Every structure is written in structure tokens, then in C-alpha cells.
Amino acid sequence: MHKVSSREEAMVKRGIFAGRFQPPHKGHLGAIKNILEKIDELVIVVGSSQYSHRLDNPFTTGERISMIREALEEEGIQPSRYWIIPVPDVHLHMLWVSQIVGYSPKFEVVYTNEPLTRRLFIEAGFKVEPVSFIKRKFYSATEIRKRMLNGENWEELVPKSVAHFIKEIDGVARLRDLTKTDVVT
């Protein structure tokens, strides 16, 4: 006879954490690990999923999902603990929360420090908790992309699996190509 565990009896507490992950970095990974200490499952929303091949969004949705998955695997985080959901921008604040809810499995709490995201979810009636920042100025996708463009050490800011993935797809060359122009001066 199978004895029902207290975990099976309890309702799964699921949270949500949104970002563009352009690229995923050690700050994202630390935040995800901290959140998973508080809840059973995490929905990781890959925002602005319709964009790629731009200076601020150089990686495709599939590439971002792959990098996140590989970084979580590298850390030994079981796939049963998270969902990765791509969500395109809707460009209307009054519809954004509905967009997230429509793309995601049911969740009870939102983890964010971003003021607009926080406000929109609070006004929609969701519980919102802050995210523990891990060296926020240092671990920043903007900083990583800047270092890539300037030929500086960016690999130290991302998990090893993410650095390997970016090198495999020649992501630095892609980013540098995106700064070029065909205008003759």
C-alpha cells in the first residue's frame, strides 16, 4: 500500500520569475536557486520572446531556453522543479499580466524587483516577493553584452555551460555583427 507523503498531500506552491535572459547569468542562477528554497516549482518566463538578433536581445528564444536549461542542469536542479515558458511582449501594460497568466501554469507568487512588474501583479491581486540580488552591478546581461563587444572577460559572469553554448553558436560574433552598418560614410 502506498503511503501518501505530506508533500503529495500539500498543494504545490508554484512561483514565477520573469526575465529576458540575454544571456542567462550567475545572478539569474543565484536568484532561481534562492527562490527554489522557498517554493516547490518555479515558472521561469523568458520575456520578449519574439525578439532576437538585436543588440539588446541578441539570442533567440530557443537559445535562451537551452542556456537556462543547461545552467540549471549544471547546478543539479531537477527539471521537475521548474518550467521554462517563452512569452512575447504585448506592449500594453493593462494586458501584460493576463498574457503571463495565459502562457503559464497556475502560480501563487511572483518574484521580482522590477517596479512596473511588481505594481502590475499587485494590482492584479497576486502576492509579490522580492528577489535576492546577487552582485547586481556585476551580474548584468547589459554588462555581459558590453564586455562581449569590447573583447573583455564576459565568461566569468555566466555559468560555464552558458559560456560554452554562446561560443558554440558564435554569439559574440553575432553581437559584434549587429553593431555594424551598411551606410557608407
N, C-alpha and C. Protein backbone atom coordinates (compact mmCIF):
# COMPACT_ATOMS: atom_id res chain seq x y z
N MET A 1 0.84 -1.18 0.00
CA MET A 1 0.00 0.00 0.00
C MET A 1 0.89 1.25 0.00
N HIS A 2 0.58 2.18 -0.87
CA HIS A 2 1.36 3.42 -0.99
C HIS A 2 0.89 4.41 0.06
N LYS A 3 1.83 4.85 0.90
CA LYS A 3 1.52 5.85 1.90
C LYS A 3 1.68 7.23 1.26
N VAL A 4 0.70 8.11 1.41
CA VAL A 4 0.73 9.44 0.83
C VAL A 4 1.65 10.32 1.69
N SER A 5 2.65 10.90 1.05
CA SER A 5 3.58 11.77 1.77
C SER A 5 2.94 13.13 2.01
N SER A 6 3.49 13.86 2.96
CA SER A 6 2.97 15.20 3.24
C SER A 6 3.15 16.11 2.03
N ARG A 7 4.21 15.88 1.25
CA ARG A 7 4.43 16.67 0.03
C ARG A 7 3.32 16.40 -0.97
N GLU A 8 2.92 15.13 -1.11
CA GLU A 8 1.84 14.81 -2.04
C GLU A 8 0.52 15.37 -1.57
N GLU A 9 0.33 15.42 -0.24
CA GLU A 9 -0.91 15.95 0.31
C GLU A 9 -0.99 17.46 0.12
N ALA A 10 0.13 18.12 0.27
CA ALA A 10 0.14 19.58 0.19
C ALA A 10 -0.03 20.04 -1.25
N MET A 11 -0.68 21.16 -1.41
CA MET A 11 -0.80 21.76 -2.73
C MET A 11 0.58 22.28 -3.13
N VAL A 12 0.97 22.04 -4.35
CA VAL A 12 2.27 22.50 -4.82
C VAL A 12 2.25 24.03 -4.86
N LYS A 13 3.23 24.63 -4.22
CA LYS A 13 3.37 26.08 -4.26
C LYS A 13 4.29 26.40 -5.43
N ARG A 14 3.76 27.16 -6.36
CA ARG A 14 4.50 27.48 -7.58
C ARG A 14 4.66 29.00 -7.68
N GLY A 15 5.86 29.42 -8.02
CA GLY A 15 6.14 30.83 -8.21
C GLY A 15 6.55 31.11 -9.64
N ILE A 16 6.67 32.39 -9.93
CA ILE A 16 7.04 32.80 -11.28
C ILE A 16 8.17 33.83 -11.19
N PHE A 17 9.11 33.75 -12.13
CA PHE A 17 10.25 34.66 -12.20
C PHE A 17 10.46 34.98 -13.68
N ALA A 18 10.36 36.25 -14.03
CA ALA A 18 10.45 36.66 -15.44
C ALA A 18 11.74 37.43 -15.70
N GLY A 19 12.27 37.23 -16.89
CA GLY A 19 13.44 37.97 -17.35
C GLY A 19 13.62 37.76 -18.84
N ARG A 20 14.51 38.53 -19.43
CA ARG A 20 14.81 38.32 -20.85
C ARG A 20 15.92 37.31 -21.03
N PHE A 21 16.81 37.18 -20.04
CA PHE A 21 17.89 36.19 -20.07
C PHE A 21 18.74 36.33 -21.34
N GLN A 22 19.26 37.57 -21.55
CA GLN A 22 20.01 37.90 -22.76
C GLN A 22 21.47 38.22 -22.45
N PRO A 23 22.30 37.32 -21.98
CA PRO A 23 22.07 35.90 -21.72
C PRO A 23 21.79 35.63 -20.24
N PRO A 24 21.42 34.37 -19.94
CA PRO A 24 21.30 33.99 -18.52
C PRO A 24 22.67 34.10 -17.86
N HIS A 25 22.72 34.63 -16.64
CA HIS A 25 24.00 34.81 -15.96
C HIS A 25 23.93 34.27 -14.53
N LYS A 26 25.05 34.40 -13.83
CA LYS A 26 25.14 33.86 -12.47
C LYS A 26 24.18 34.54 -11.50
N GLY A 27 23.83 35.78 -11.75
CA GLY A 27 22.83 36.46 -10.92
C GLY A 27 21.47 35.82 -11.08
N HIS A 28 21.07 35.54 -12.34
CA HIS A 28 19.81 34.82 -12.58
C HIS A 28 19.83 33.48 -11.87
N LEU A 29 20.92 32.75 -12.04
CA LEU A 29 21.03 31.41 -11.46
C LEU A 29 20.93 31.47 -9.93
N GLY A 30 21.61 32.43 -9.32
CA GLY A 30 21.53 32.58 -7.87
C GLY A 30 20.12 32.91 -7.41
N ALA A 31 19.44 33.78 -8.14
CA ALA A 31 18.06 34.14 -7.79
C ALA A 31 17.15 32.92 -7.90
N ILE A 32 17.31 32.15 -8.96
CA ILE A 32 16.49 30.94 -9.15
C ILE A 32 16.73 29.95 -8.02
N LYS A 33 17.98 29.76 -7.65
CA LYS A 33 18.30 28.83 -6.55
C LYS A 33 17.69 29.32 -5.24
N ASN A 34 17.77 30.62 -4.96
CA ASN A 34 17.17 31.17 -3.74
C ASN A 34 15.65 31.00 -3.73
N ILE A 35 15.03 31.27 -4.86
CA ILE A 35 13.57 31.13 -4.95
C ILE A 35 13.16 29.68 -4.72
N LEU A 36 13.90 28.74 -5.33
CA LEU A 36 13.56 27.32 -5.20
C LEU A 36 13.72 26.80 -3.76
N GLU A 37 14.40 27.55 -2.91
CA GLU A 37 14.47 27.18 -1.49
C GLU A 37 13.15 27.48 -0.78
N LYS A 38 12.31 28.34 -1.39
CA LYS A 38 11.06 28.79 -0.77
C LYS A 38 9.81 28.13 -1.33
N ILE A 39 9.92 27.56 -2.54
CA ILE A 39 8.74 27.01 -3.22
C ILE A 39 9.06 25.65 -3.82
N ASP A 40 8.02 24.96 -4.27
CA ASP A 40 8.19 23.63 -4.87
C ASP A 40 8.61 23.70 -6.34
N GLU A 41 7.95 24.59 -7.10
CA GLU A 41 8.21 24.70 -8.54
C GLU A 41 8.32 26.16 -8.92
N LEU A 42 9.11 26.42 -9.96
CA LEU A 42 9.29 27.78 -10.46
C LEU A 42 9.00 27.83 -11.94
N VAL A 43 8.16 28.78 -12.32
CA VAL A 43 7.91 29.07 -13.74
C VAL A 43 8.88 30.18 -14.12
N ILE A 44 9.80 29.86 -15.02
CA ILE A 44 10.77 30.84 -15.50
C ILE A 44 10.24 31.38 -16.82
N VAL A 45 9.86 32.65 -16.82
CA VAL A 45 9.29 33.27 -18.00
C VAL A 45 10.41 33.94 -18.79
N VAL A 46 10.57 33.50 -20.03
CA VAL A 46 11.52 34.12 -20.95
C VAL A 46 10.75 35.22 -21.68
N GLY A 47 10.93 36.44 -21.21
CA GLY A 47 10.21 37.58 -21.77
C GLY A 47 10.79 38.06 -23.08
N SER A 48 10.01 38.90 -23.74
CA SER A 48 10.40 39.46 -25.05
C SER A 48 10.81 38.33 -25.99
N SER A 49 10.04 37.24 -25.95
CA SER A 49 10.43 36.03 -26.68
C SER A 49 10.37 36.18 -28.19
N GLN A 50 9.70 37.21 -28.68
CA GLN A 50 9.63 37.39 -30.13
C GLN A 50 10.88 38.05 -30.70
N TYR A 51 11.77 38.54 -29.82
CA TYR A 51 12.94 39.28 -30.29
C TYR A 51 14.21 38.44 -30.29
N SER A 52 15.03 38.67 -31.27
CA SER A 52 16.38 38.10 -31.35
C SER A 52 17.17 38.95 -32.33
N HIS A 53 18.46 38.71 -32.39
CA HIS A 53 19.35 39.36 -33.36
C HIS A 53 19.27 40.89 -33.29
N ARG A 54 19.15 41.38 -32.05
CA ARG A 54 19.20 42.82 -31.78
C ARG A 54 20.24 43.03 -30.68
N LEU A 55 20.79 44.22 -30.60
CA LEU A 55 21.83 44.48 -29.59
C LEU A 55 21.35 44.19 -28.17
N ASP A 56 20.09 44.53 -27.86
CA ASP A 56 19.58 44.29 -26.52
C ASP A 56 18.96 42.90 -26.36
N ASN A 57 18.71 42.23 -27.45
CA ASN A 57 18.14 40.88 -27.44
C ASN A 57 18.81 40.03 -28.52
N PRO A 58 20.08 39.69 -28.34
CA PRO A 58 20.80 39.00 -29.42
C PRO A 58 20.47 37.53 -29.59
N PHE A 59 19.95 36.88 -28.55
CA PHE A 59 19.75 35.43 -28.61
C PHE A 59 18.28 35.09 -28.86
N THR A 60 18.06 34.00 -29.60
CA THR A 60 16.70 33.57 -29.89
C THR A 60 16.06 32.97 -28.64
N THR A 61 14.76 32.82 -28.67
CA THR A 61 14.06 32.20 -27.55
C THR A 61 14.57 30.79 -27.31
N GLY A 62 14.73 30.02 -28.37
CA GLY A 62 15.23 28.65 -28.23
C GLY A 62 16.62 28.60 -27.62
N GLU A 63 17.47 29.55 -28.02
CA GLU A 63 18.82 29.61 -27.45
C GLU A 63 18.76 29.95 -25.96
N ARG A 64 17.90 30.91 -25.60
CA ARG A 64 17.78 31.30 -24.19
C ARG A 64 17.24 30.15 -23.35
N ILE A 65 16.24 29.46 -23.85
CA ILE A 65 15.69 28.31 -23.13
C ILE A 65 16.77 27.24 -22.96
N SER A 66 17.51 26.96 -24.01
CA SER A 66 18.59 25.96 -23.93
C SER A 66 19.64 26.36 -22.91
N MET A 67 20.04 27.64 -22.92
CA MET A 67 21.06 28.11 -21.96
C MET A 67 20.55 28.00 -20.52
N ILE A 68 19.31 28.38 -20.29
CA ILE A 68 18.74 28.29 -18.94
C ILE A 68 18.72 26.83 -18.50
N ARG A 69 18.20 25.98 -19.36
CA ARG A 69 18.10 24.55 -19.02
C ARG A 69 19.48 23.95 -18.72
N GLU A 70 20.47 24.26 -19.55
CA GLU A 70 21.82 23.73 -19.34
C GLU A 70 22.44 24.27 -18.05
N ALA A 71 22.20 25.55 -17.73
CA ALA A 71 22.74 26.12 -16.49
C ALA A 71 22.10 25.46 -15.27
N LEU A 72 20.80 25.22 -15.33
CA LEU A 72 20.11 24.57 -14.21
C LEU A 72 20.57 23.12 -14.06
N GLU A 73 20.76 22.45 -15.18
CA GLU A 73 21.28 21.08 -15.15
C GLU A 73 22.69 21.06 -14.55
N GLU A 74 23.51 22.02 -14.96
CA GLU A 74 24.88 22.14 -14.43
C GLU A 74 24.86 22.26 -12.90
N GLU A 75 23.84 22.93 -12.36
CA GLU A 75 23.71 23.12 -10.91
C GLU A 75 23.01 21.95 -10.22
N GLY A 76 22.58 20.97 -11.00
CA GLY A 76 21.91 19.81 -10.41
C GLY A 76 20.46 20.05 -10.03
N ILE A 77 19.85 21.07 -10.61
CA ILE A 77 18.44 21.35 -10.33
C ILE A 77 17.58 20.46 -11.23
N GLN A 78 16.72 19.70 -10.60
CA GLN A 78 15.88 18.73 -11.30
C GLN A 78 14.85 19.42 -12.20
N PRO A 79 14.65 18.94 -13.42
CA PRO A 79 13.65 19.52 -14.32
C PRO A 79 12.23 19.52 -13.75
N SER A 80 11.94 18.64 -12.82
CA SER A 80 10.61 18.61 -12.21
C SER A 80 10.37 19.82 -11.31
N ARG A 81 11.41 20.60 -11.04
CA ARG A 81 11.29 21.76 -10.16
C ARG A 81 10.99 23.05 -10.92
N TYR A 82 11.07 23.02 -12.26
CA TYR A 82 10.87 24.27 -13.00
C TYR A 82 10.19 24.05 -14.33
N TRP A 83 9.60 25.11 -14.82
CA TRP A 83 9.03 25.22 -16.16
C TRP A 83 9.74 26.40 -16.82
N ILE A 84 9.99 26.32 -18.10
CA ILE A 84 10.53 27.47 -18.84
C ILE A 84 9.51 27.80 -19.93
N ILE A 85 8.94 29.00 -19.84
CA ILE A 85 7.84 29.40 -20.71
C ILE A 85 8.23 30.67 -21.47
N PRO A 86 8.26 30.62 -22.81
CA PRO A 86 8.50 31.86 -23.56
C PRO A 86 7.21 32.68 -23.65
N VAL A 87 7.33 33.98 -23.43
CA VAL A 87 6.17 34.87 -23.51
C VAL A 87 6.57 36.12 -24.31
N PRO A 88 5.87 36.37 -25.42
CA PRO A 88 6.16 37.58 -26.20
C PRO A 88 5.62 38.82 -25.49
N ASP A 89 6.21 39.97 -25.81
CA ASP A 89 5.71 41.23 -25.27
C ASP A 89 4.35 41.54 -25.88
N VAL A 90 3.49 42.14 -25.09
CA VAL A 90 2.17 42.52 -25.57
C VAL A 90 2.08 44.03 -25.80
N HIS A 91 3.00 44.80 -25.20
CA HIS A 91 3.11 46.24 -25.37
C HIS A 91 1.91 47.04 -24.86
N LEU A 92 1.10 46.42 -24.01
CA LEU A 92 0.01 47.11 -23.32
C LEU A 92 0.04 46.67 -21.87
N HIS A 93 0.38 47.58 -20.97
CA HIS A 93 0.53 47.21 -19.57
C HIS A 93 -0.73 46.57 -19.00
N MET A 94 -1.90 47.04 -19.43
CA MET A 94 -3.14 46.50 -18.87
C MET A 94 -3.39 45.05 -19.28
N LEU A 95 -2.68 44.55 -20.29
CA LEU A 95 -2.85 43.18 -20.74
C LEU A 95 -1.69 42.26 -20.36
N TRP A 96 -0.60 42.83 -19.87
CA TRP A 96 0.61 42.05 -19.67
C TRP A 96 0.45 40.93 -18.66
N VAL A 97 -0.17 41.19 -17.51
CA VAL A 97 -0.36 40.14 -16.51
C VAL A 97 -1.22 39.03 -17.09
N SER A 98 -2.28 39.38 -17.81
CA SER A 98 -3.13 38.37 -18.45
C SER A 98 -2.34 37.53 -19.44
N GLN A 99 -1.42 38.16 -20.14
CA GLN A 99 -0.56 37.45 -21.08
C GLN A 99 0.28 36.40 -20.34
N ILE A 100 0.90 36.79 -19.23
CA ILE A 100 1.71 35.86 -18.45
C ILE A 100 0.84 34.72 -17.92
N VAL A 101 -0.30 35.05 -17.35
CA VAL A 101 -1.22 34.04 -16.80
C VAL A 101 -1.65 33.07 -17.91
N GLY A 102 -1.92 33.60 -19.09
CA GLY A 102 -2.38 32.76 -20.20
C GLY A 102 -1.33 31.79 -20.72
N TYR A 103 -0.06 32.16 -20.62
CA TYR A 103 1.02 31.30 -21.11
C TYR A 103 1.55 30.34 -20.06
N SER A 104 1.26 30.60 -18.79
CA SER A 104 1.89 29.87 -17.69
C SER A 104 0.94 28.89 -17.02
N PRO A 105 1.51 27.86 -16.38
CA PRO A 105 0.69 27.06 -15.48
C PRO A 105 0.32 27.94 -14.26
N LYS A 106 -0.68 27.54 -13.52
CA LYS A 106 -1.13 28.31 -12.36
C LYS A 106 0.04 28.53 -11.39
N PHE A 107 0.11 29.74 -10.85
CA PHE A 107 1.15 30.08 -9.88
C PHE A 107 0.54 30.90 -8.76
N GLU A 108 1.21 30.88 -7.60
CA GLU A 108 0.70 31.57 -6.42
C GLU A 108 1.46 32.84 -6.06
N VAL A 109 2.72 32.93 -6.46
CA VAL A 109 3.53 34.07 -6.04
C VAL A 109 4.45 34.50 -7.19
N VAL A 110 4.69 35.80 -7.27
CA VAL A 110 5.55 36.38 -8.29
C VAL A 110 6.81 36.89 -7.61
N TYR A 111 7.97 36.56 -8.16
CA TYR A 111 9.25 37.04 -7.64
C TYR A 111 9.82 38.06 -8.61
N THR A 112 9.96 39.30 -8.13
CA THR A 112 10.50 40.35 -8.97
C THR A 112 10.95 41.53 -8.13
N ASN A 113 11.89 42.29 -8.65
CA ASN A 113 12.29 43.58 -8.08
C ASN A 113 11.96 44.70 -9.06
N GLU A 114 11.57 44.35 -10.25
CA GLU A 114 11.30 45.34 -11.29
C GLU A 114 10.01 46.09 -10.91
N PRO A 115 10.08 47.42 -10.74
CA PRO A 115 8.94 48.18 -10.21
C PRO A 115 7.63 48.04 -11.00
N LEU A 116 7.70 48.11 -12.32
CA LEU A 116 6.47 48.01 -13.10
C LEU A 116 5.86 46.62 -13.00
N THR A 117 6.69 45.58 -13.12
CA THR A 117 6.20 44.22 -13.00
C THR A 117 5.56 44.02 -11.63
N ARG A 118 6.24 44.49 -10.60
CA ARG A 118 5.72 44.38 -9.23
C ARG A 118 4.35 45.03 -9.12
N ARG A 119 4.24 46.28 -9.58
CA ARG A 119 2.98 47.04 -9.48
C ARG A 119 1.86 46.35 -10.25
N LEU A 120 2.13 45.91 -11.47
CA LEU A 120 1.08 45.28 -12.28
C LEU A 120 0.55 44.00 -11.64
N PHE A 121 1.44 43.18 -11.08
CA PHE A 121 0.98 41.94 -10.45
C PHE A 121 0.26 42.21 -9.13
N ILE A 122 0.71 43.20 -8.36
CA ILE A 122 -0.01 43.56 -7.13
C ILE A 122 -1.42 44.02 -7.47
N GLU A 123 -1.54 44.89 -8.46
CA GLU A 123 -2.86 45.39 -8.85
C GLU A 123 -3.76 44.28 -9.39
N ALA A 124 -3.17 43.21 -9.91
CA ALA A 124 -3.95 42.07 -10.40
C ALA A 124 -4.28 41.08 -9.27
N GLY A 125 -3.81 41.39 -8.05
CA GLY A 125 -4.16 40.57 -6.90
C GLY A 125 -3.19 39.45 -6.56
N PHE A 126 -2.01 39.47 -7.14
CA PHE A 126 -1.01 38.43 -6.86
C PHE A 126 -0.12 38.82 -5.69
N LYS A 127 0.35 37.82 -4.97
CA LYS A 127 1.37 38.02 -3.95
C LYS A 127 2.69 38.22 -4.69
N VAL A 128 3.43 39.27 -4.32
CA VAL A 128 4.70 39.58 -4.97
C VAL A 128 5.79 39.62 -3.90
N GLU A 129 6.87 38.90 -4.14
CA GLU A 129 8.00 38.83 -3.23
C GLU A 129 9.25 39.37 -3.94
N PRO A 130 10.15 40.02 -3.18
CA PRO A 130 11.39 40.50 -3.80
C PRO A 130 12.35 39.35 -4.10
N VAL A 131 13.24 39.60 -5.02
CA VAL A 131 14.29 38.65 -5.39
C VAL A 131 15.58 39.10 -4.72
N SER A 132 16.32 38.16 -4.18
CA SER A 132 17.63 38.50 -3.60
C SER A 132 18.59 38.78 -4.74
N PHE A 133 19.10 40.01 -4.79
CA PHE A 133 20.09 40.35 -5.80
C PHE A 133 21.43 39.73 -5.44
N ILE A 134 22.10 39.21 -6.42
CA ILE A 134 23.44 38.67 -6.25
C ILE A 134 24.37 39.52 -7.10
N LYS A 135 25.17 40.37 -6.45
CA LYS A 135 26.12 41.24 -7.14
C LYS A 135 25.49 41.88 -8.38
N ARG A 136 24.38 42.59 -8.19
CA ARG A 136 23.56 43.12 -9.28
C ARG A 136 24.34 43.94 -10.30
N LYS A 137 25.25 44.81 -9.85
CA LYS A 137 26.02 45.62 -10.81
C LYS A 137 26.97 44.76 -11.63
N PHE A 138 27.43 43.70 -11.02
CA PHE A 138 28.40 42.81 -11.66
C PHE A 138 27.70 41.81 -12.58
N TYR A 139 26.66 41.16 -12.08
CA TYR A 139 25.91 40.17 -12.87
C TYR A 139 24.74 40.85 -13.56
N SER A 140 24.98 41.28 -14.74
CA SER A 140 24.01 42.02 -15.54
C SER A 140 24.18 41.63 -17.00
N ALA A 141 23.08 41.31 -17.67
CA ALA A 141 23.17 40.95 -19.08
C ALA A 141 23.71 42.12 -19.91
N THR A 142 23.35 43.34 -19.53
CA THR A 142 23.88 44.52 -20.22
C THR A 142 25.40 44.56 -20.10
N GLU A 143 25.92 44.31 -18.90
CA GLU A 143 27.37 44.29 -18.68
C GLU A 143 28.02 43.17 -19.49
N ILE A 144 27.38 42.02 -19.54
CA ILE A 144 27.93 40.88 -20.29
C ILE A 144 28.02 41.23 -21.78
N ARG A 145 26.94 41.77 -22.33
CA ARG A 145 26.96 42.13 -23.75
C ARG A 145 27.99 43.22 -24.03
N LYS A 146 28.14 44.18 -23.12
CA LYS A 146 29.16 45.24 -23.27
C LYS A 146 30.55 44.61 -23.32
N ARG A 147 30.81 43.70 -22.41
CA ARG A 147 32.11 43.03 -22.39
C ARG A 147 32.35 42.21 -23.66
N MET A 148 31.32 41.57 -24.16
CA MET A 148 31.45 40.80 -25.40
C MET A 148 31.88 41.72 -26.54
N LEU A 149 31.22 42.87 -26.62
CA LEU A 149 31.53 43.83 -27.69
C LEU A 149 32.93 44.42 -27.56
N ASN A 150 33.40 44.58 -26.33
CA ASN A 150 34.70 45.21 -26.08
C ASN A 150 35.84 44.21 -25.96
N GLY A 151 35.57 42.93 -26.18
CA GLY A 151 36.61 41.92 -26.09
C GLY A 151 37.12 41.69 -24.67
N GLU A 152 36.27 41.98 -23.68
CA GLU A 152 36.64 41.80 -22.27
C GLU A 152 36.14 40.44 -21.76
N ASN A 153 36.57 40.08 -20.55
CA ASN A 153 36.19 38.80 -19.97
C ASN A 153 34.72 38.81 -19.55
N TRP A 154 33.87 38.20 -20.33
CA TRP A 154 32.45 38.07 -20.02
C TRP A 154 32.14 36.69 -19.45
N GLU A 155 32.99 35.71 -19.75
CA GLU A 155 32.73 34.33 -19.36
C GLU A 155 32.61 34.16 -17.84
N GLU A 156 33.32 34.99 -17.07
CA GLU A 156 33.27 34.88 -15.62
C GLU A 156 31.90 35.23 -15.05
N LEU A 157 31.05 35.88 -15.83
CA LEU A 157 29.74 36.33 -15.35
C LEU A 157 28.61 35.34 -15.61
N VAL A 158 28.90 34.30 -16.38
CA VAL A 158 27.86 33.33 -16.74
C VAL A 158 28.28 31.93 -16.30
N PRO A 159 27.31 31.04 -16.11
CA PRO A 159 27.68 29.65 -15.83
C PRO A 159 28.51 29.08 -16.97
N LYS A 160 29.36 28.11 -16.67
CA LYS A 160 30.24 27.51 -17.68
C LYS A 160 29.45 26.99 -18.87
N SER A 161 28.31 26.37 -18.61
CA SER A 161 27.51 25.82 -19.71
C SER A 161 27.00 26.92 -20.63
N VAL A 162 26.69 28.08 -20.08
CA VAL A 162 26.22 29.21 -20.90
C VAL A 162 27.37 29.76 -21.75
N ALA A 163 28.55 29.91 -21.15
CA ALA A 163 29.71 30.37 -21.92
C ALA A 163 30.00 29.41 -23.07
N HIS A 164 29.94 28.11 -22.79
CA HIS A 164 30.18 27.10 -23.82
C HIS A 164 29.14 27.22 -24.94
N PHE A 165 27.88 27.38 -24.56
CA PHE A 165 26.79 27.49 -25.54
C PHE A 165 27.00 28.71 -26.43
N ILE A 166 27.30 29.86 -25.82
CA ILE A 166 27.48 31.10 -26.59
C ILE A 166 28.65 30.96 -27.57
N LYS A 167 29.73 30.34 -27.11
CA LYS A 167 30.87 30.12 -28.01
C LYS A 167 30.49 29.17 -29.14
N GLU A 168 29.71 28.15 -28.82
CA GLU A 168 29.30 27.15 -29.82
C GLU A 168 28.47 27.77 -30.95
N ILE A 169 27.62 28.75 -30.61
CA ILE A 169 26.79 29.39 -31.64
C ILE A 169 27.44 30.66 -32.21
N ASP A 170 28.67 30.94 -31.77
CA ASP A 170 29.41 32.12 -32.19
C ASP A 170 28.63 33.40 -31.85
N GLY A 171 28.09 33.42 -30.63
CA GLY A 171 27.26 34.51 -30.16
C GLY A 171 27.97 35.85 -30.08
N VAL A 172 29.25 35.85 -29.76
CA VAL A 172 30.00 37.12 -29.68
C VAL A 172 30.10 37.73 -31.07
N ALA A 173 30.40 36.93 -32.07
CA ALA A 173 30.48 37.44 -33.45
C ALA A 173 29.11 37.96 -33.89
N ARG A 174 28.04 37.27 -33.50
CA ARG A 174 26.69 37.75 -33.85
C ARG A 174 26.47 39.13 -33.25
N LEU A 175 26.78 39.28 -31.98
CA LEU A 175 26.57 40.57 -31.31
C LEU A 175 27.40 41.66 -31.99
N ARG A 176 28.64 41.37 -32.31
CA ARG A 176 29.50 42.36 -32.97
C ARG A 176 28.96 42.71 -34.36
N ASP A 177 28.46 41.72 -35.09
CA ASP A 177 27.88 41.99 -36.41
C ASP A 177 26.67 42.92 -36.30
N LEU A 178 25.93 42.82 -35.22
CA LEU A 178 24.74 43.64 -35.05
C LEU A 178 25.07 45.12 -34.83
N THR A 179 26.34 45.43 -34.54
CA THR A 179 26.75 46.84 -34.36
C THR A 179 27.16 47.48 -35.68
N LYS A 180 27.32 46.67 -36.70
CA LYS A 180 27.79 47.19 -38.00
C LYS A 180 26.68 47.87 -38.76
N THR A 181 27.05 48.61 -39.76
CA THR A 181 26.10 49.31 -40.60
C THR A 181 26.52 49.16 -42.06
N ASP A 182 25.57 49.32 -42.95
CA ASP A 182 25.88 49.29 -44.38
C ASP A 182 25.91 50.71 -44.96
N VAL A 183 25.85 51.70 -44.09
CA VAL A 183 25.89 53.09 -44.53
C VAL A 183 27.33 53.48 -44.81
N VAL A 184 27.56 54.02 -45.97
CA VAL A 184 28.90 54.47 -46.35
C VAL A 184 29.07 55.91 -45.86
N THR A 185 30.21 56.14 -45.19
CA THR A 185 30.46 57.49 -44.68
C THR A 185 31.47 58.22 -45.52
